[in-house]
């Protein structure tokens, strides 16, 4: 799935561009006073909300995640 999404969404080759599409990123989610690391199969962010990819795991508020 990532192989098909990265060219059009990351680079704009035949698609909209302007996205970061990542396979199995490590996300550090916060909620209810604790942190949990989750690794989804695939994730995407608009570059306007995440201009640069961090070198380490992504720290995010994860609404709806019961951690």
Protein backbone atom coordinates (compact mmCIF):
# COMPACT_ATOMS: atom_id res chain seq x y z
CA UNK A 1 0.00 0.00 0.00
CA UNK A 2 2.76 2.44 0.92
CA UNK A 3 4.54 1.76 -2.36
CA UNK A 4 1.46 2.98 -4.25
CA UNK A 5 0.73 5.99 -2.02
CA UNK A 6 4.21 7.52 -1.63
CA UNK A 7 4.83 8.71 -5.24
CA UNK A 8 1.53 10.60 -5.70
CA UNK A 9 1.15 11.88 -2.14
CA UNK A 10 4.76 12.51 -1.05
CA UNK A 11 6.16 13.67 -4.38
CA UNK A 12 3.13 14.68 -6.44
CA UNK A 13 3.82 12.11 -9.21
CA UNK A 14 0.32 11.68 -10.61
CA UNK A 15 -1.33 12.90 -7.42
CA UNK A 16 -1.79 15.82 -5.06
CA UNK A 17 1.62 15.87 -3.30
CA UNK A 18 1.99 17.72 0.00
CA UNK A 19 1.88 14.68 2.28
CA UNK A 20 4.29 12.59 4.33
CA UNK A 21 3.31 8.93 3.95
CA UNK A 22 5.25 6.59 6.24
CA UNK A 23 5.32 2.82 6.68
CA UNK A 24 5.29 1.68 10.32
CA UNK A 25 6.19 4.99 12.02
CA UNK A 26 6.68 4.93 15.78
CA UNK A 27 4.18 7.32 17.34
CA UNK A 28 4.35 8.43 20.95
CA UNK A 29 0.76 9.13 21.92
CA UNK A 30 -0.33 11.02 25.00
CA UNK A 31 -3.65 10.78 26.80
CA UNK A 32 -5.06 10.48 30.29
CA UNK A 33 -1.74 11.38 31.87
CA UNK A 34 0.41 8.67 30.29
CA UNK A 35 2.31 7.91 27.11
CA UNK A 36 2.08 4.90 24.84
CA UNK A 37 4.11 4.03 21.75
CA UNK A 38 2.09 2.70 18.84
CA UNK A 39 3.25 1.55 15.40
CA UNK A 40 0.50 1.67 12.75
CA UNK A 41 1.05 -0.09 9.43
CA UNK A 42 0.71 3.17 7.53
CA UNK A 43 0.28 6.83 8.50
CA UNK A 44 0.11 10.17 6.71
CA UNK A 45 0.40 13.84 7.60
CA UNK A 46 -0.16 16.99 5.57
CA UNK A 47 3.13 18.84 5.22
CA UNK A 48 1.40 22.07 6.20
CA UNK A 49 0.83 20.59 9.69
CA UNK A 50 4.20 18.76 9.92
CA UNK A 51 6.69 20.76 7.79
CA UNK A 52 9.70 18.52 8.58
CA UNK A 53 9.96 14.90 9.63
CA UNK A 54 11.64 14.46 13.02
CA UNK A 55 14.69 12.17 13.29
CA UNK A 56 13.14 10.18 16.15
CA UNK A 57 9.60 8.96 16.83
CA UNK A 58 6.72 11.37 16.40
CA UNK A 59 5.17 12.84 19.53
CA UNK A 60 1.44 13.39 18.97
CA UNK A 61 -1.78 13.89 20.83
CA UNK A 62 -3.87 10.96 19.64
CA UNK A 63 -7.56 11.76 20.02
CA UNK A 64 -9.68 8.70 20.50
CA UNK A 65 -6.75 6.58 21.67
CA UNK A 66 -7.49 5.31 25.15
CA UNK A 67 -4.00 5.41 26.70
